[in-house]
Amino acid sequence: MRIATKRGMGLRSVFVDDAAAMLKMSRRTVYYRIRDGRLRTIRTAGGSQRVLIESIATLLHEQGARRSLTTQTSESKPLSL
């Protein structure tokens, strides 16, 4: 995985493939998250997109919070037989 820093801005970013690996999702899902505004990107001089590490961290935090909420909710419900 290569992490790049945009000169003068201090923005760290990774390729879409690397973002997909970090988030444990497909490239297509990463593009959906970009389109939905949940992942932020920058464009390189060559025109390709790179995903900002900051937005990956935010999404991972949201997913973790959502998972813990779901786990707490499902544990508190009684099983019906």
C-alpha atoms as a PDB file:
ATOM      1  CA  MET A   1       0.000   0.000   0.000  1.00  0.00           C
ATOM      2  CA  ARG A   2       1.319   3.409  -0.937  1.00  0.00           C
ATOM      3  CA  ILE A   3       0.252   6.470   1.005  1.00  0.00           C
ATOM      4  CA  ALA A   4       0.797   9.778  -0.749  1.00  0.00           C
ATOM      5  CA  THR A   5       0.818  13.288   0.660  1.00  0.00           C
ATOM      6  CA  LYS A   6      -0.428  16.168  -1.464  1.00  0.00           C
ATOM      7  CA  ARG A   7       2.203  18.884  -1.497  1.00  0.00           C
ATOM      8  CA  GLY A   8       1.425  21.949   0.534  1.00  0.00           C
ATOM      9  CA  MET A   9      -1.858  20.600   1.862  1.00  0.00           C
ATOM     10  CA  GLY A  10      -0.788  17.742   4.121  1.00  0.00           C
ATOM     11  CA  LEU A  11      -3.576  15.512   2.794  1.00  0.00           C
ATOM     12  CA  ARG A  12      -2.697  11.824   2.942  1.00  0.00           C
ATOM     13  CA  SER A  13      -4.398   9.523   0.459  1.00  0.00           C
ATOM     14  CA  VAL A  14      -4.405   5.971  -0.915  1.00  0.00           C
ATOM     15  CA  PHE A  15      -5.447   4.302  -4.149  1.00  0.00           C
ATOM     16  CA  VAL A  16      -9.048   3.091  -4.389  1.00  0.00           C
ATOM     17  CA  ASP A  17      -7.838  -0.546  -4.300  1.00  0.00           C
ATOM     18  CA  ASP A  18      -5.971   0.122  -1.055  1.00  0.00           C
ATOM     19  CA  ALA A  19      -8.979   1.898   0.448  1.00  0.00           C
ATOM     20  CA  ALA A  20     -11.123  -1.128  -0.435  1.00  0.00           C
ATOM     21  CA  ALA A  21      -8.666  -3.428   1.341  1.00  0.00           C
ATOM     22  CA  MET A  22      -8.552  -1.178   4.421  1.00  0.00           C
ATOM     23  CA  LEU A  23     -12.351  -1.035   4.586  1.00  0.00           C
ATOM     24  CA  LYS A  24     -12.809  -4.737   3.726  1.00  0.00           C
ATOM     25  CA  MET A  25     -15.176  -3.962   0.863  1.00  0.00           C
ATOM     26  CA  SER A  26     -15.111  -4.129  -2.915  1.00  0.00           C
ATOM     27  CA  ARG A  27     -13.812  -1.381  -5.177  1.00  0.00           C
ATOM     28  CA  ARG A  28     -17.364  -0.868  -6.415  1.00  0.00           C
ATOM     29  CA  THR A  29     -18.589  -0.241  -2.862  1.00  0.00           C
ATOM     30  CA  VAL A  30     -15.771   2.277  -2.342  1.00  0.00           C
ATOM     31  CA  TYR A  31     -16.949   4.113  -5.475  1.00  0.00           C
ATOM     32  CA  TYR A  32     -20.533   4.046  -4.103  1.00  0.00           C
ATOM     33  CA  ARG A  33     -19.291   5.569  -0.827  1.00  0.00           C
ATOM     34  CA  ILE A  34     -17.423   8.237  -2.816  1.00  0.00           C
ATOM     35  CA  ARG A  35     -20.552   9.025  -4.833  1.00  0.00           C
ATOM     36  CA  ASP A  36     -22.641   9.183  -1.622  1.00  0.00           C
ATOM     37  CA  GLY A  37     -20.146  11.606  -0.088  1.00  0.00           C
ATOM     38  CA  ARG A  38     -19.111   9.236   2.704  1.00  0.00           C
ATOM     39  CA  LEU A  39     -15.533   9.001   1.352  1.00  0.00           C
ATOM     40  CA  ARG A  40     -13.608  12.052   0.170  1.00  0.00           C
ATOM     41  CA  THR A  41     -11.102  11.958  -2.672  1.00  0.00           C
ATOM     42  CA  ILE A  42      -8.546  14.066  -4.439  1.00  0.00           C
ATOM     43  CA  ARG A  43      -7.599  13.955  -8.107  1.00  0.00           C
ATOM     44  CA  THR A  44      -4.023  13.383  -9.163  1.00  0.00           C
ATOM     45  CA  ALA A  45      -2.389  15.303 -11.994  1.00  0.00           C
ATOM     46  CA  GLY A  46      -3.057  12.251 -14.178  1.00  0.00           C
ATOM     47  CA  GLY A  47      -6.776  12.354 -13.330  1.00  0.00           C
ATOM     48  CA  SER A  48      -7.075   9.285 -11.084  1.00  0.00           C
ATOM     49  CA  GLN A  49      -8.844   9.413  -7.738  1.00  0.00           C
ATOM     50  CA  ARG A  50      -7.169   8.831  -4.397  1.00  0.00           C
ATOM     51  CA  VAL A  51      -9.149   8.359  -1.187  1.00  0.00           C
ATOM     52  CA  LEU A  52      -8.271  10.547   1.780  1.00  0.00           C
ATOM     53  CA  ILE A  53      -7.084   8.584   4.830  1.00  0.00           C
ATOM     54  CA  GLU A  54      -9.065  10.932   7.073  1.00  0.00           C
ATOM     55  CA  SER A  55     -12.343   9.964   5.395  1.00  0.00           C
ATOM     56  CA  ILE A  56     -11.462   6.241   5.647  1.00  0.00           C
ATOM     57  CA  ALA A  57     -10.886   6.656   9.393  1.00  0.00           C
ATOM     58  CA  THR A  58     -14.217   8.472   9.760  1.00  0.00           C
ATOM     59  CA  LEU A  59     -16.094   5.745   7.871  1.00  0.00           C
ATOM     60  CA  LEU A  60     -14.421   2.986   9.919  1.00  0.00           C
ATOM     61  CA  HIS A  61     -15.412   4.809  13.108  1.00  0.00           C
ATOM     62  CA  GLU A  62     -19.032   5.114  11.906  1.00  0.00           C
ATOM     63  CA  GLN A  63     -19.135   1.435  10.939  1.00  0.00           C
ATOM     64  CA  GLY A  64     -17.723   0.417  14.331  1.00  0.00           C
ATOM     65  CA  ALA A  65     -20.283   2.513  16.180  1.00  0.00           C
ATOM     66  CA  ARG A  66     -23.083   1.085  14.050  1.00  0.00           C
ATOM     67  CA  ARG A  67     -21.906  -2.496  14.671  1.00  0.00           C
ATOM     68  CA  SER A  68     -21.705  -2.024  18.428  1.00  0.00           C
ATOM     69  CA  LEU A  69     -25.193  -0.501  18.464  1.00  0.00           C
ATOM     70  CA  THR A  70     -26.561  -3.423  16.431  1.00  0.00           C
ATOM     71  CA  THR A  71     -24.870  -5.934  18.729  1.00  0.00           C
ATOM     72  CA  GLN A  72     -26.252  -4.248  21.845  1.00  0.00           C
ATOM     73  CA  THR A  73     -29.757  -4.150  20.383  1.00  0.00           C
ATOM     74  CA  SER A  74     -29.751  -7.787  19.271  1.00  0.00           C
ATOM     75  CA  GLU A  75     -28.374  -8.969  22.626  1.00  0.00           C
ATOM     76  CA  SER A  76     -31.157  -7.232  24.557  1.00  0.00           C
ATOM     77  CA  LYS A  77     -34.028  -8.774  22.572  1.00  0.00           C
ATOM     78  CA  PRO A  78     -35.480 -12.008  23.936  1.00  0.00           C
ATOM     79  CA  LEU A  79     -35.723 -14.955  21.573  1.00  0.00           C
ATOM     80  CA  SER A  80     -39.238 -15.974  20.661  1.00  0.00           C
ATOM     81  CA  LEU A  81     -39.875 -19.679  20.305  1.00  0.00           C
END
